[in-house]
């Protein structure tokens, strides 16, 4: 993004807000195919986040991240670029910018069997973040139960009200970054 150097000022009573104008430039990026046996690190900006069970958690909407009081379970899939070929995930670095001062968020793994998602599996608890406001990070080594035959990672997020929390308090995931370390299993099609 390029700063155009023009400030926009708006005055309301004693409050002055300043906004900058910026120009975004889009540049197409080609991800080269991986070679069988090659170790690769996939930056978070290349991985796509989706919700295979149709839930959305309010993530990635056109207007940003949605605040919600809803609790429950969400299945999340992280897709590396398809052109890399089939992958065996080795490790994951997950970072969430989380505002949940009255909630607990659990992260679970181990939702695949035989290279296929088994959404009925409860998963293995990786961590629980309680009453969080800010960046939460997690690093873990993968097993074959964490990803499908295409190398897509599956995680389950469970959000519940913390003990003693007032009803209908809001929580929000402001950002998610997932970096993957993998070995290319075979050549890309």
Protein backbone atom coordinates (compact mmCIF):
# COMPACT_ATOMS: atom_id res chain seq x y z
CA UNK A 1 0.00 0.00 0.00
CA UNK A 2 1.24 3.43 -0.81
CA UNK A 3 0.50 6.45 1.38
CA UNK A 4 -0.77 9.31 -0.80
CA UNK A 5 0.21 11.82 1.87
CA UNK A 6 -3.28 13.31 2.12
CA UNK A 7 -4.84 13.48 5.58
CA UNK A 8 -8.60 13.71 6.04
CA UNK A 9 -9.62 15.51 9.23
CA UNK A 10 -13.02 15.41 10.84
CA UNK A 11 -13.82 17.43 13.93
CA UNK A 12 -16.69 16.51 16.24
CA UNK A 13 -16.86 18.70 19.34
CA UNK A 14 -13.43 18.36 20.95
CA UNK A 15 -12.57 15.11 19.14
CA UNK A 16 -10.48 15.18 15.96
CA UNK A 17 -10.08 12.04 13.90
CA UNK A 18 -7.46 11.63 11.20
CA UNK A 19 -7.71 9.19 8.33
CA UNK A 20 -5.07 8.44 5.73
CA UNK A 21 -5.80 7.62 2.14
CA UNK A 22 -3.86 4.76 0.66
CA UNK A 23 -3.60 3.07 -2.69
CA UNK A 24 -3.64 -0.72 -2.82
CA UNK A 25 -1.76 -2.48 -5.57
CA UNK A 26 -2.58 -6.07 -6.51
CA UNK A 27 0.17 -8.23 -7.90
CA UNK A 28 -0.57 -11.79 -9.00
CA UNK A 29 1.61 -14.36 -7.24
CA UNK A 30 2.34 -17.79 -8.62
CA UNK A 31 3.16 -20.49 -6.08
CA UNK A 32 5.54 -22.98 -7.70
CA UNK A 33 4.74 -26.68 -7.44
CA UNK A 34 6.62 -28.55 -4.75
CA UNK A 35 8.89 -31.46 -5.50
CA UNK A 36 8.35 -34.83 -3.80
CA UNK A 37 10.30 -35.01 -0.53
CA UNK A 38 10.88 -31.24 -0.35
CA UNK A 39 10.39 -29.51 3.04
CA UNK A 40 8.45 -26.27 2.74
CA UNK A 41 7.15 -23.50 5.00
CA UNK A 42 3.85 -21.94 3.92
CA UNK A 43 3.35 -18.39 5.15
CA UNK A 44 -0.02 -17.54 6.69
CA UNK A 45 -0.93 -15.20 3.84
CA UNK A 46 -1.06 -18.15 1.41
CA UNK A 47 -3.33 -20.40 3.50
CA UNK A 48 -7.14 -20.13 3.22
CA UNK A 49 -9.49 -20.50 6.17
CA UNK A 50 -12.90 -22.11 5.60
CA UNK A 51 -15.77 -23.71 7.51
CA UNK A 52 -16.65 -27.14 6.05
CA UNK A 53 -19.71 -27.57 8.27
CA UNK A 54 -21.24 -24.32 7.01
CA UNK A 55 -20.71 -22.41 10.26
CA UNK A 56 -18.86 -19.16 9.99
CA UNK A 57 -17.97 -17.86 13.43
CA UNK A 58 -18.29 -14.43 11.86
CA UNK A 59 -14.80 -14.74 10.45
CA UNK A 60 -13.65 -13.14 7.26
CA UNK A 61 -16.75 -11.15 6.43
CA UNK A 62 -16.56 -8.21 4.05
CA UNK A 63 -16.75 -5.74 6.94
CA UNK A 64 -14.23 -7.55 9.16
CA UNK A 65 -14.57 -9.83 12.13
CA UNK A 66 -17.98 -9.98 13.82
CA UNK A 67 -18.51 -9.69 17.57
CA UNK A 68 -20.86 -12.33 18.92
CA UNK A 69 -22.26 -13.72 22.16
CA UNK A 70 -22.86 -17.12 20.54
CA UNK A 71 -21.09 -20.11 22.09
CA UNK A 72 -20.53 -23.53 20.58
CA UNK A 73 -18.22 -25.58 18.35
CA UNK A 74 -16.82 -24.59 14.96
CA UNK A 75 -14.92 -26.82 12.56
CA UNK A 76 -12.19 -24.91 10.73
CA UNK A 77 -10.22 -26.07 7.70
CA UNK A 78 -6.94 -24.49 6.64
CA UNK A 79 -6.14 -25.03 2.97
CA UNK A 80 -2.57 -24.59 1.73
CA UNK A 81 -2.19 -23.54 -1.93
CA UNK A 82 -3.46 -26.40 -4.12
CA UNK A 83 -0.60 -26.13 -6.62
CA UNK A 84 1.95 -27.36 -4.11
CA UNK A 85 0.76 -30.95 -4.45
CA UNK A 86 -0.21 -33.39 -1.67
CA UNK A 87 1.40 -32.49 1.65
CA UNK A 88 2.30 -34.22 4.90
CA UNK A 89 2.01 -31.49 7.52
CA UNK A 90 4.86 -31.47 10.03
CA UNK A 91 4.02 -28.55 12.32
CA UNK A 92 1.64 -25.62 12.71
CA UNK A 93 2.03 -22.12 14.12
CA UNK A 94 -1.41 -20.71 14.97
CA UNK A 95 -1.90 -17.12 16.16
CA UNK A 96 -5.29 -15.64 17.04
CA UNK A 97 -5.96 -12.04 17.98
CA UNK A 98 -8.73 -12.83 20.43
CA UNK A 99 -11.06 -10.61 22.46
CA UNK A 100 -12.85 -12.92 24.88
CA UNK A 101 -12.57 -11.44 28.38
CA UNK A 102 -15.55 -13.47 29.66
CA UNK A 103 -15.09 -16.64 27.61
CA UNK A 104 -12.88 -19.70 27.29
CA UNK A 105 -11.76 -20.95 23.87
CA UNK A 106 -10.56 -24.51 23.36
CA UNK A 107 -8.56 -25.61 20.32
CA UNK A 108 -8.74 -29.30 19.33
CA UNK A 109 -6.92 -31.38 16.73
CA UNK A 110 -6.98 -35.01 15.51
CA UNK A 111 -10.16 -34.86 13.44
CA UNK A 112 -9.05 -37.08 10.54
CA UNK A 113 -8.71 -40.83 10.12
CA UNK A 114 -7.24 -42.53 7.06
CA UNK A 115 -6.75 -39.19 5.30
CA UNK A 116 -10.43 -38.23 5.63
CA UNK A 117 -12.19 -35.75 7.92
CA UNK A 118 -14.20 -37.46 10.66
CA UNK A 119 -16.20 -34.50 11.97
CA UNK A 120 -17.86 -36.64 14.66
CA UNK A 121 -14.51 -37.16 16.43
CA UNK A 122 -14.20 -35.00 19.57
CA UNK A 123 -10.54 -34.27 18.86
CA UNK A 124 -7.59 -33.96 21.23
CA UNK A 125 -7.37 -30.79 23.33
CA UNK A 126 -4.37 -28.64 22.38
CA UNK A 127 -5.01 -25.63 24.60
CA UNK A 128 -7.62 -23.54 26.39
CA UNK A 129 -7.39 -19.76 26.44
CA UNK A 130 -9.33 -18.20 29.34
CA UNK A 131 -10.43 -14.56 29.55
CA UNK A 132 -8.18 -13.46 26.66
CA UNK A 133 -7.64 -10.06 25.11
CA UNK A 134 -4.77 -9.99 22.63
CA UNK A 135 -2.55 -12.35 20.71
CA UNK A 136 -2.67 -16.03 21.58
CA UNK A 137 -0.11 -18.32 19.94
CA UNK A 138 0.20 -22.05 19.67
CA UNK A 139 2.82 -24.29 18.05
CA UNK A 140 2.29 -28.03 17.63
CA UNK A 141 3.77 -30.96 15.73
CA UNK A 142 1.29 -32.68 13.43
CA UNK A 143 0.24 -36.29 13.23
CA UNK A 144 -1.58 -37.98 10.34
CA UNK A 145 -4.84 -37.47 12.31
CA UNK A 146 -4.55 -33.68 11.88
CA UNK A 147 -4.82 -33.42 8.08
CA UNK A 148 -6.59 -35.06 5.17
CA UNK A 149 -5.14 -36.70 2.04
CA UNK A 150 -4.74 -33.28 0.38
CA UNK A 151 -2.81 -31.81 3.31
CA UNK A 152 -5.66 -29.64 4.63
CA UNK A 153 -5.52 -29.04 8.39
CA UNK A 154 -8.68 -29.40 10.51
CA UNK A 155 -9.17 -27.80 13.93
CA UNK A 156 -12.19 -27.52 16.20
CA UNK A 157 -12.73 -24.30 18.16
CA UNK A 158 -15.07 -24.46 21.14
CA UNK A 159 -16.17 -21.23 22.80
CA UNK A 160 -18.02 -21.21 26.11
CA UNK A 161 -18.81 -18.60 28.73
CA UNK A 162 -16.28 -18.57 31.54
CA UNK A 163 -17.49 -19.58 34.98
CA UNK A 164 -19.27 -16.63 36.60
CA UNK A 165 -19.36 -14.58 33.38
CA UNK A 166 -22.36 -12.31 32.88
CA UNK A 167 -24.82 -13.61 30.26
CA UNK A 168 -24.63 -12.41 26.67
CA UNK A 169 -21.14 -10.94 26.83
CA UNK A 170 -19.44 -10.56 23.47
CA UNK A 171 -16.29 -12.16 22.17
CA UNK A 172 -14.48 -11.71 18.87
CA UNK A 173 -11.69 -13.25 16.84
CA UNK A 174 -10.02 -10.22 15.29
CA UNK A 175 -7.49 -12.11 13.17
CA UNK A 176 -6.21 -15.62 12.50
CA UNK A 177 -2.77 -16.48 11.12
CA UNK A 178 -1.76 -20.09 10.38
CA UNK A 179 1.71 -20.98 9.14
CA UNK A 180 2.38 -24.56 8.04
CA UNK A 181 5.55 -26.61 7.78
CA UNK A 182 5.16 -29.58 5.49
CA UNK A 183 6.88 -32.18 3.34
CA UNK A 184 5.62 -32.53 -0.23
CA UNK A 185 4.33 -36.10 -0.57
CA UNK A 186 4.16 -36.20 -4.35
CA UNK A 187 4.37 -34.04 -7.41
CA UNK A 188 1.56 -31.56 -8.05
CA UNK A 189 -0.94 -32.64 -10.71
